[in-house]
C-alpha atoms as a PDB file:
ATOM      1  CA  MET A   1     422.952 -18.928 108.455  1.00  0.00           C
ATOM      2  CA  LYS A   2     426.340 -18.931 106.769  1.00  0.00           C
ATOM      3  CA  ILE A   3     426.800 -20.660 103.427  1.00  0.00           C
ATOM      4  CA  ASN A   4     430.016 -22.520 104.172  1.00  0.00           C
ATOM      5  CA  GLU A   5     428.595 -23.951 107.384  1.00  0.00           C
ATOM      6  CA  VAL A   6     425.659 -25.763 105.846  1.00  0.00           C
ATOM      7  CA  TYR A   7     425.957 -24.891 102.162  1.00  0.00           C
ATOM      8  CA  CYS A   8     422.346 -23.802 101.842  1.00  0.00           C
ATOM      9  CA  LEU A   9     419.349 -23.783 104.120  1.00  0.00           C
ATOM     10  CA  LEU A  10     417.763 -27.195 104.308  1.00  0.00           C
ATOM     11  CA  ILE A  11     414.262 -26.982 102.946  1.00  0.00           C
ATOM     12  CA  PRO A  12     411.415 -29.457 103.093  1.00  0.00           C
ATOM     13  CA  LEU A  13     410.917 -31.754 100.133  1.00  0.00           C
ATOM     14  CA  LEU A  14     409.092 -29.688  97.530  1.00  0.00           C
ATOM     15  CA  LEU A  15     405.829 -31.000  96.190  1.00  0.00           C
ATOM     16  CA  LEU A  16     406.038 -31.096  92.418  1.00  0.00           C
ATOM     17  CA  THR A  17     402.765 -30.017  90.873  1.00  0.00           C
ATOM     18  CA  HIS A  18     403.962 -29.744  87.288  1.00  0.00           C
ATOM     19  CA  SER A  19     401.975 -31.631  84.646  1.00  0.00           C
ATOM     20  CA  HIS A  20     404.928 -33.992  84.050  1.00  0.00           C
ATOM     21  CA  SER A  21     405.142 -36.869  86.478  1.00  0.00           C
ATOM     22  CA  ALA A  22     407.547 -35.898  89.260  1.00  0.00           C
ATOM     23  CA  ILE A  23     410.973 -37.481  89.359  1.00  0.00           C
ATOM     24  CA  SER A  24     411.924 -38.685  92.821  1.00  0.00           C
ATOM     25  CA  LEU A  25     414.499 -36.674  94.739  1.00  0.00           C
ATOM     26  CA  ASP A  26     417.265 -39.257  94.433  1.00  0.00           C
ATOM     27  CA  THR A  27     417.139 -39.143  90.635  1.00  0.00           C
ATOM     28  CA  ILE A  28     417.613 -35.395  90.412  1.00  0.00           C
ATOM     29  CA  PRO A  29     421.162 -34.533  89.309  1.00  0.00           C
ATOM     30  CA  ARG A  30     423.188 -33.342  92.276  1.00  0.00           C
ATOM     31  CA  ASP A  31     423.915 -29.952  90.750  1.00  0.00           C
ATOM     32  CA  ALA A  32     420.283 -29.424  89.751  1.00  0.00           C
ATOM     33  CA  GLN A  33     419.372 -30.087  93.378  1.00  0.00           C
ATOM     34  CA  ARG A  34     421.796 -27.343  94.380  1.00  0.00           C
ATOM     35  CA  LEU A  35     419.830 -24.869  92.281  1.00  0.00           C
ATOM     36  CA  ILE A  36     416.566 -26.080  93.803  1.00  0.00           C
ATOM     37  CA  ASP A  37     417.950 -25.729  97.336  1.00  0.00           C
ATOM     38  CA  CYS A  38     419.572 -22.334  96.828  1.00  0.00           C
ATOM     39  CA  TYR A  39     416.752 -20.635  94.901  1.00  0.00           C
ATOM     40  CA  PRO A  40     413.545 -22.122  96.390  1.00  0.00           C
ATOM     41  CA  SER A  41     411.525 -18.971  95.722  1.00  0.00           C
ATOM     42  CA  PHE A  42     411.892 -19.568  92.003  1.00  0.00           C
ATOM     43  CA  ILE A  43     412.546 -23.252  91.386  1.00  0.00           C
ATOM     44  CA  GLN A  44     409.956 -25.903  92.134  1.00  0.00           C
ATOM     45  CA  GLY A  45     411.738 -29.070  91.060  1.00  0.00           C
ATOM     46  CA  PHE A  46     413.151 -31.146  88.253  1.00  0.00           C
ATOM     47  CA  SER A  47     411.507 -33.405  85.680  1.00  0.00           C
ATOM     48  CA  HIS A  48     412.442 -34.956  82.357  1.00  0.00           C
ATOM     49  CA  ASN A  49     415.778 -33.132  81.949  1.00  0.00           C
ATOM     50  CA  HIS A  50     414.197 -29.778  82.798  1.00  0.00           C
ATOM     51  CA  LEU A  51     414.348 -27.467  85.775  1.00  0.00           C
ATOM     52  CA  ILE A  52     410.769 -26.587  86.726  1.00  0.00           C
ATOM     53  CA  PHE A  53     410.069 -23.059  87.916  1.00  0.00           C
ATOM     54  CA  ARG A  54     407.249 -22.087  90.243  1.00  0.00           C
ATOM     55  CA  ASP A  55     405.400 -20.365  87.423  1.00  0.00           C
ATOM     56  CA  ALA A  56     405.346 -23.781  85.655  1.00  0.00           C
ATOM     57  CA  THR A  57     407.839 -22.758  82.982  1.00  0.00           C
ATOM     58  CA  GLU A  58     410.738 -25.073  82.184  1.00  0.00           C
ATOM     59  CA  MET A  59     414.419 -24.720  81.362  1.00  0.00           C
ATOM     60  CA  ILE A  60     416.473 -27.523  79.839  1.00  0.00           C
ATOM     61  CA  TRP A  61     419.152 -28.952  82.098  1.00  0.00           C
ATOM     62  CA  ASP A  62     421.427 -30.776  79.645  1.00  0.00           C
ATOM     63  CA  ASP A  63     421.338 -29.857  75.943  1.00  0.00           C
ATOM     64  CA  GLY A  64     423.105 -33.108  75.036  1.00  0.00           C
ATOM     65  CA  ILE A  65     426.087 -31.494  73.326  1.00  0.00           C
ATOM     66  CA  ARG A  66     429.204 -33.328  74.438  1.00  0.00           C
ATOM     67  CA  ASN A  67     432.855 -32.224  74.549  1.00  0.00           C
ATOM     68  CA  LYS A  68     432.078 -28.528  74.263  1.00  0.00           C
ATOM     69  CA  SER A  69     435.083 -26.324  73.656  1.00  0.00           C
ATOM     70  CA  TRP A  70     435.943 -23.760  76.293  1.00  0.00           C
ATOM     71  CA  GLN A  71     434.601 -20.994  74.052  1.00  0.00           C
ATOM     72  CA  LEU A  72     431.345 -22.863  73.444  1.00  0.00           C
ATOM     73  CA  LEU A  73     430.916 -23.323  77.185  1.00  0.00           C
ATOM     74  CA  LEU A  74     431.264 -19.580  77.668  1.00  0.00           C
ATOM     75  CA  ASP A  75     428.993 -18.626  74.776  1.00  0.00           C
ATOM     76  CA  HIS A  76     426.313 -21.331  74.909  1.00  0.00           C
ATOM     77  CA  ALA A  77     426.216 -22.901  78.360  1.00  0.00           C
ATOM     78  CA  ASP A  78     423.287 -25.005  79.449  1.00  0.00           C
ATOM     79  CA  LEU A  79     422.413 -25.248  83.149  1.00  0.00           C
ATOM     80  CA  LYS A  80     424.539 -28.346  83.649  1.00  0.00           C
ATOM     81  CA  ASP A  81     427.558 -26.599  82.137  1.00  0.00           C
ATOM     82  CA  MET A  82     427.556 -23.990  84.912  1.00  0.00           C
ATOM     83  CA  PHE A  83     428.945 -26.695  87.196  1.00  0.00           C
ATOM     84  CA  ASN A  84     431.641 -27.757  84.727  1.00  0.00           C
ATOM     85  CA  GLN A  85     434.358 -26.351  87.000  1.00  0.00           C
ATOM     86  CA  THR A  86     434.483 -26.603  90.784  1.00  0.00           C
ATOM     87  CA  TYR A  87     434.709 -23.496  92.924  1.00  0.00           C
ATOM     88  CA  LYS A  88     436.634 -24.093  96.162  1.00  0.00           C
ATOM     89  CA  THR A  89     436.447 -21.831  99.183  1.00  0.00           C
ATOM     90  CA  GLY A  90     439.417 -20.791 101.278  1.00  0.00           C
ATOM     91  CA  PRO A  91     442.925 -19.686 100.315  1.00  0.00           C
ATOM     92  CA  LEU A  92     444.046 -20.080  96.713  1.00  0.00           C
ATOM     93  CA  LEU A  93     446.753 -22.736  97.025  1.00  0.00           C
ATOM     94  CA  ILE A  94     447.910 -22.638  93.390  1.00  0.00           C
ATOM     95  CA  PHE A  95     447.361 -20.076  90.664  1.00  0.00           C
ATOM     96  CA  PRO A  96     444.462 -20.950  88.328  1.00  0.00           C
ATOM     97  CA  VAL A  97     445.618 -22.779  85.221  1.00  0.00           C
ATOM     98  CA  THR A  98     444.593 -21.803  81.694  1.00  0.00           C
ATOM     99  CA  ASN A  99     440.833 -21.309  81.304  1.00  0.00           C
ATOM    100  CA  VAL A 100     439.940 -22.546  84.779  1.00  0.00           C
ATOM    101  CA  ASP A 101     437.336 -19.930  85.688  1.00  0.00           C
ATOM    102  CA  PRO A 102     434.782 -21.505  88.080  1.00  0.00           C
ATOM    103  CA  GLY A 103     431.659 -19.370  87.853  1.00  0.00           C
ATOM    104  CA  ARG A 104     432.378 -17.647  84.523  1.00  0.00           C
ATOM    105  CA  ILE A 105     430.455 -20.344  82.633  1.00  0.00           C
ATOM    106  CA  ARG A 106     426.945 -18.935  82.943  1.00  0.00           C
ATOM    107  CA  ASN A 107     423.524 -19.562  81.458  1.00  0.00           C
ATOM    108  CA  ASN A 108     422.220 -16.015  81.200  1.00  0.00           C
ATOM    109  CA  ALA A 109     418.634 -17.123  80.605  1.00  0.00           C
ATOM    110  CA  PHE A 110     418.651 -18.617  84.090  1.00  0.00           C
ATOM    111  CA  PHE A 111     419.719 -15.379  85.757  1.00  0.00           C
ATOM    112  CA  GLU A 112     417.341 -13.303  83.656  1.00  0.00           C
ATOM    113  CA  LYS A 113     414.525 -15.597  84.770  1.00  0.00           C
ATOM    114  CA  MET A 114     415.194 -14.738  88.403  1.00  0.00           C
ATOM    115  CA  TYR A 115     416.566 -11.198  88.382  1.00  0.00           C
ATOM    116  CA  GLY A 116     415.014  -9.675  85.259  1.00  0.00           C
ATOM    117  CA  GLY A 117     415.415  -9.741  81.502  1.00  0.00           C
ATOM    118  CA  SER A 118     415.984  -6.019  81.022  1.00  0.00           C
ATOM    119  CA  ALA A 119     417.474  -3.102  82.890  1.00  0.00           C
ATOM    120  CA  LYS A 120     413.955  -1.881  83.674  1.00  0.00           C
ATOM    121  CA  GLU A 121     412.920  -5.210  85.167  1.00  0.00           C
ATOM    122  CA  VAL A 122     416.074  -5.491  87.283  1.00  0.00           C
ATOM    123  CA  LYS A 123     415.739  -1.931  88.562  1.00  0.00           C
ATOM    124  CA  LYS A 124     412.303  -2.744  90.010  1.00  0.00           C
ATOM    125  CA  HIS A 125     414.011  -4.948  92.580  1.00  0.00           C
ATOM    126  CA  LEU A 126     417.030  -2.822  93.463  1.00  0.00           C
ATOM    127  CA  THR A 127     417.380  -1.380  96.922  1.00  0.00           C
ATOM    128  CA  ALA A 128     419.868   0.935  98.613  1.00  0.00           C
ATOM    129  CA  VAL A 129     422.362  -0.550 101.059  1.00  0.00           C
ATOM    130  CA  ILE A 130     424.813   1.473 103.140  1.00  0.00           C
ATOM    131  CA  TRP A 131     428.163  -0.211 102.564  1.00  0.00           C
ATOM    132  CA  CYS A 132     430.323  -0.428 105.720  1.00  0.00           C
ATOM    133  CA  PRO A 133     428.369   2.234 107.629  1.00  0.00           C
ATOM    134  CA  LYS A 134     431.177   2.757 110.176  1.00  0.00           C
ATOM    135  CA  LEU A 135     434.184   2.782 107.861  1.00  0.00           C
ATOM    136  CA  VAL A 136     432.897   3.901 104.449  1.00  0.00           C
ATOM    137  CA  GLN A 137     429.219   4.937 104.458  1.00  0.00           C
ATOM    138  CA  GLN A 138     428.779   4.519 100.719  1.00  0.00           C
ATOM    139  CA  THR A 139     425.314   3.905  99.281  1.00  0.00           C
ATOM    140  CA  ILE A 140     425.208   1.061  96.770  1.00  0.00           C
ATOM    141  CA  MET A 141     422.300  -0.464  94.837  1.00  0.00           C
ATOM    142  CA  VAL A 142     421.756  -4.227  94.891  1.00  0.00           C
ATOM    143  CA  THR A 143     418.848  -6.550  94.211  1.00  0.00           C
ATOM    144  CA  LYS A 144     416.429  -7.744  96.881  1.00  0.00           C
ATOM    145  CA  ILE A 145     415.832 -10.971  94.948  1.00  0.00           C
ATOM    146  CA  ASN A 146     417.194 -14.088  96.662  1.00  0.00           C
ATOM    147  CA  ASN A 147     417.960 -11.846  99.668  1.00  0.00           C
ATOM    148  CA  VAL A 148     421.116 -10.588  98.002  1.00  0.00           C
ATOM    149  CA  ASP A 149     420.703  -7.254  99.795  1.00  0.00           C
ATOM    150  CA  ARG A 150     420.686  -9.030 103.153  1.00  0.00           C
ATOM    151  CA  GLN A 151     423.774 -11.016 102.250  1.00  0.00           C
ATOM    152  CA  ILE A 152     425.571  -7.824 101.203  1.00  0.00           C
ATOM    153  CA  GLU A 153     424.540  -6.207 104.494  1.00  0.00           C
ATOM    154  CA  ALA A 154     425.954  -9.205 106.370  1.00  0.00           C
ATOM    155  CA  VAL A 155     429.228  -8.983 104.428  1.00  0.00           C
ATOM    156  CA  SER A 156     429.342  -5.238 105.090  1.00  0.00           C
ATOM    157  CA  ALA A 157     428.762  -5.716 108.819  1.00  0.00           C
ATOM    158  CA  GLU A 158     431.668  -8.150 109.101  1.00  0.00           C
ATOM    159  CA  LEU A 159     434.032  -6.010 107.049  1.00  0.00           C
ATOM    160  CA  ASP A 160     433.086  -2.962 109.116  1.00  0.00           C
ATOM    161  CA  ARG A 161     434.972  -4.596 112.008  1.00  0.00           C
ATOM    162  CA  HIS A 162     438.243  -4.457 110.063  1.00  0.00           C
ATOM    163  CA  PRO A 163     439.497  -0.858 109.886  1.00  0.00           C
ATOM    164  CA  GLU A 164     442.862  -2.175 108.676  1.00  0.00           C
ATOM    165  CA  LEU A 165     441.110  -3.110 105.397  1.00  0.00           C
ATOM    166  CA  ILE A 166     439.481   0.251 104.709  1.00  0.00           C
ATOM    167  CA  LYS A 167     441.590   1.093 101.652  1.00  0.00           C
ATOM    168  CA  TYR A 168     440.168  -1.969  99.856  1.00  0.00           C
ATOM    169  CA  LEU A 169     436.583  -1.251 100.950  1.00  0.00           C
ATOM    170  CA  GLU A 170     436.158   2.441 100.202  1.00  0.00           C
ATOM    171  CA  ALA A 171     435.272   3.741  96.741  1.00  0.00           C
ATOM    172  CA  ILE A 172     433.253   0.697  95.680  1.00  0.00           C
ATOM    173  CA  GLY A 173     433.871   0.085  91.971  1.00  0.00           C
ATOM    174  CA  GLY A 174     430.291  -0.802  91.087  1.00  0.00           C
ATOM    175  CA  THR A 175     427.272  -3.037  91.603  1.00  0.00           C
ATOM    176  CA  PHE A 176     424.340  -2.892  89.150  1.00  0.00           C
ATOM    177  CA  ALA A 177     425.180  -2.051  85.539  1.00  0.00           C
ATOM    178  CA  TRP A 178     423.190  -3.481  82.631  1.00  0.00           C
ATOM    179  CA  ARG A 179     425.989  -4.324  80.190  1.00  0.00           C
ATOM    180  CA  ASN A 180     427.999  -6.985  78.412  1.00  0.00           C
ATOM    181  CA  ILE A 181     431.329  -8.287  79.645  1.00  0.00           C
ATOM    182  CA  ALA A 182     434.042  -6.111  78.107  1.00  0.00           C
ATOM    183  CA  GLY A 183     435.120  -7.382  74.702  1.00  0.00           C
ATOM    184  CA  THR A 184     432.358 -10.011  74.436  1.00  0.00           C
ATOM    185  CA  ASN A 185     428.704 -10.441  73.515  1.00  0.00           C
ATOM    186  CA  ARG A 186     428.044 -12.173  76.838  1.00  0.00           C
ATOM    187  CA  HIS A 187     425.962 -10.465  79.489  1.00  0.00           C
ATOM    188  CA  SER A 188     427.742  -9.467  82.689  1.00  0.00           C
ATOM    189  CA  ASN A 189     426.227 -10.625  85.971  1.00  0.00           C
ATOM    190  CA  HIS A 190     426.526  -7.006  87.090  1.00  0.00           C
ATOM    191  CA  SER A 191     423.362  -6.632  85.036  1.00  0.00           C
ATOM    192  CA  TYR A 192     421.365  -8.426  87.724  1.00  0.00           C
ATOM    193  CA  GLY A 193     422.370  -6.417  90.793  1.00  0.00           C
ATOM    194  CA  MET A 194     423.885  -9.427  92.562  1.00  0.00           C
ATOM    195  CA  THR A 195     427.537  -8.553  91.935  1.00  0.00           C
ATOM    196  CA  ILE A 196     429.904  -6.066  93.542  1.00  0.00           C
ATOM    197  CA  ASP A 197     433.325  -4.723  92.567  1.00  0.00           C
ATOM    198  CA  ILE A 198     435.389  -3.386  95.455  1.00  0.00           C
ATOM    199  CA  ASN A 199     437.999  -0.622  95.177  1.00  0.00           C
ATOM    200  CA  THR A 200     439.587  -0.816  91.722  1.00  0.00           C
ATOM    201  CA  ARG A 201     442.704   0.999  92.932  1.00  0.00           C
ATOM    202  CA  TYR A 202     443.916  -2.114  94.737  1.00  0.00           C
ATOM    203  CA  SER A 203     442.473  -4.648  92.319  1.00  0.00           C
ATOM    204  CA  ASP A 204     443.962  -6.614  89.453  1.00  0.00           C
ATOM    205  CA  TYR A 205     442.242  -7.579  86.224  1.00  0.00           C
ATOM    206  CA  TRP A 206     443.709  -9.758  83.499  1.00  0.00           C
ATOM    207  CA  ARG A 207     442.914  -7.242  80.738  1.00  0.00           C
ATOM    208  CA  TRP A 208     444.696  -4.469  82.615  1.00  0.00           C
ATOM    209  CA  SER A 209     447.704  -6.670  83.291  1.00  0.00           C
ATOM    210  CA  CYS A 210     448.296  -7.870  79.739  1.00  0.00           C
ATOM    211  CA  LYS A 211     446.946  -4.706  78.073  1.00  0.00           C
ATOM    212  CA  CYS A 212     445.065  -7.013  75.728  1.00  0.00           C
ATOM    213  CA  SER A 213     441.466  -7.942  74.957  1.00  0.00           C
ATOM    214  CA  SER A 214     441.557 -11.521  73.654  1.00  0.00           C
ATOM    215  CA  GLU A 215     440.490 -14.160  76.159  1.00  0.00           C
ATOM    216  CA  ASN A 216     443.020 -16.458  74.478  1.00  0.00           C
ATOM    217  CA  SER A 217     445.912 -14.274  75.591  1.00  0.00           C
ATOM    218  CA  THR A 218     448.430 -15.427  78.181  1.00  0.00           C
ATOM    219  CA  PHE A 219     449.218 -13.377  81.264  1.00  0.00           C
ATOM    220  CA  LYS A 220     450.651 -13.607  84.757  1.00  0.00           C
ATOM    221  CA  TYR A 221     448.391 -13.969  87.782  1.00  0.00           C
ATOM    222  CA  GLN A 222     448.277 -10.987  90.137  1.00  0.00           C
ATOM    223  CA  ASN A 223     446.349 -10.263  93.336  1.00  0.00           C
ATOM    224  CA  ARG A 224     446.475  -7.722  96.163  1.00  0.00           C
ATOM    225  CA  ILE A 225     443.142  -8.486  97.880  1.00  0.00           C
ATOM    226  CA  PRO A 226     443.605  -9.854 101.442  1.00  0.00           C
ATOM    227  CA  GLN A 227     442.242 -13.315 102.169  1.00  0.00           C
ATOM    228  CA  THR A 228     440.125 -11.950 105.030  1.00  0.00           C
ATOM    229  CA  ILE A 229     437.933 -10.098 102.533  1.00  0.00           C
ATOM    230  CA  VAL A 230     437.567 -13.186 100.350  1.00  0.00           C
ATOM    231  CA  ASP A 231     436.673 -15.380 103.334  1.00  0.00           C
ATOM    232  CA  ILE A 232     433.951 -13.007 104.504  1.00  0.00           C
ATOM    233  CA  PHE A 233     432.332 -12.794 101.068  1.00  0.00           C
ATOM    234  CA  GLU A 234     432.488 -16.562 100.633  1.00  0.00           C
ATOM    235  CA  ARG A 235     430.807 -17.134 104.003  1.00  0.00           C
ATOM    236  CA  HIS A 236     427.768 -15.359 102.577  1.00  0.00           C
ATOM    237  CA  GLY A 237     427.575 -17.129  99.216  1.00  0.00           C
ATOM    238  CA  PHE A 238     429.729 -14.915  96.991  1.00  0.00           C
ATOM    239  CA  ILE A 239     432.348 -16.323  94.664  1.00  0.00           C
ATOM    240  CA  TRP A 240     435.532 -14.352  94.005  1.00  0.00           C
ATOM    241  CA  GLY A 241     436.898 -13.472  90.575  1.00  0.00           C
ATOM    242  CA  GLY A 242     440.412 -13.836  91.942  1.00  0.00           C
ATOM    243  CA  LYS A 243     440.003 -17.608  91.667  1.00  0.00           C
ATOM    244  CA  TRP A 244     439.785 -17.400  87.874  1.00  0.00           C
ATOM    245  CA  TYR A 245     442.541 -17.762  85.309  1.00  0.00           C
ATOM    246  CA  HIS A 246     440.942 -14.672  83.761  1.00  0.00           C
ATOM    247  CA  TYR A 247     441.283 -13.027  87.153  1.00  0.00           C
ATOM    248  CA  ASP A 248     439.174 -10.109  88.285  1.00  0.00           C
ATOM    249  CA  THR A 249     440.165  -9.605  91.897  1.00  0.00           C
ATOM    250  CA  MET A 250     437.725  -6.782  92.636  1.00  0.00           C
ATOM    251  CA  HIS A 251     434.763  -8.957  91.622  1.00  0.00           C
ATOM    252  CA  PHE A 252     432.354 -10.849  93.891  1.00  0.00           C
ATOM    253  CA  GLU A 253     429.018 -12.323  92.784  1.00  0.00           C
ATOM    254  CA  TYR A 254     426.253 -14.152  94.618  1.00  0.00           C
ATOM    255  CA  ARG A 255     426.449 -17.778  93.480  1.00  0.00           C
ATOM    256  CA  PRO A 256     425.708 -20.037  96.493  1.00  0.00           C
ATOM    257  CA  GLU A 257     424.952 -23.012  94.224  1.00  0.00           C
ATOM    258  CA  LEU A 258     428.625 -23.278  93.246  1.00  0.00           C
ATOM    259  CA  PHE A 259     429.955 -23.970  96.723  1.00  0.00           C
ATOM    260  CA  SER A 260     431.128 -27.514  97.416  1.00  0.00           C
ATOM    261  CA  LYS A 261     428.610 -29.462  99.447  1.00  0.00           C
END
């Protein structure tokens, strides 16, 4: 089922068995409910300002720090902060304004909880996928967790019907790579095997454009990726780095919780 048609699969009301008394569904913050709906294999529910995982561990939802600076949001995001900016599907009607980067505000502990806290742990769940078997036939490694491999296969199958796009689809730039984001101490979501960079030859990246490394630099937006590619990825729960002020037009990552409901 496609993400932008129903947002996420509707799931039955989860029975909360955590030792805290369960909070009723209508008191769960909307964005916390998105995480519950989109990652049901891992998240059991919500109680007392904490997301409750199926192994009975907890993760704080709102750390209570108000008016965080943009840099603090990037460096020390809580779960609530990940929804600080709204990701919108469809064509980009206006260029992103300064520091509007929906999806770049991440709580790495959350992703490590699901995908693995080390390269070794993540690698246990990687599987080979043949990218665009008709047009490209490139083997890439992605995670099986949260059915990311199946979503990538679905994206690949749709793109395989567009030979006019082959130059953007061949020579995939990368999927899994346990590393930090260039120039920062923040972990890249490439570390979890749920992210893909398409052909770098036809991609634009803010660091390349300004030939700078500071995230406080100013630069002009650039993009050469056709909307058809973006639409197909978004239909399967992937956000696009081309919708960021700090644009990264080759970059797609599996973040179904960020799609407008």
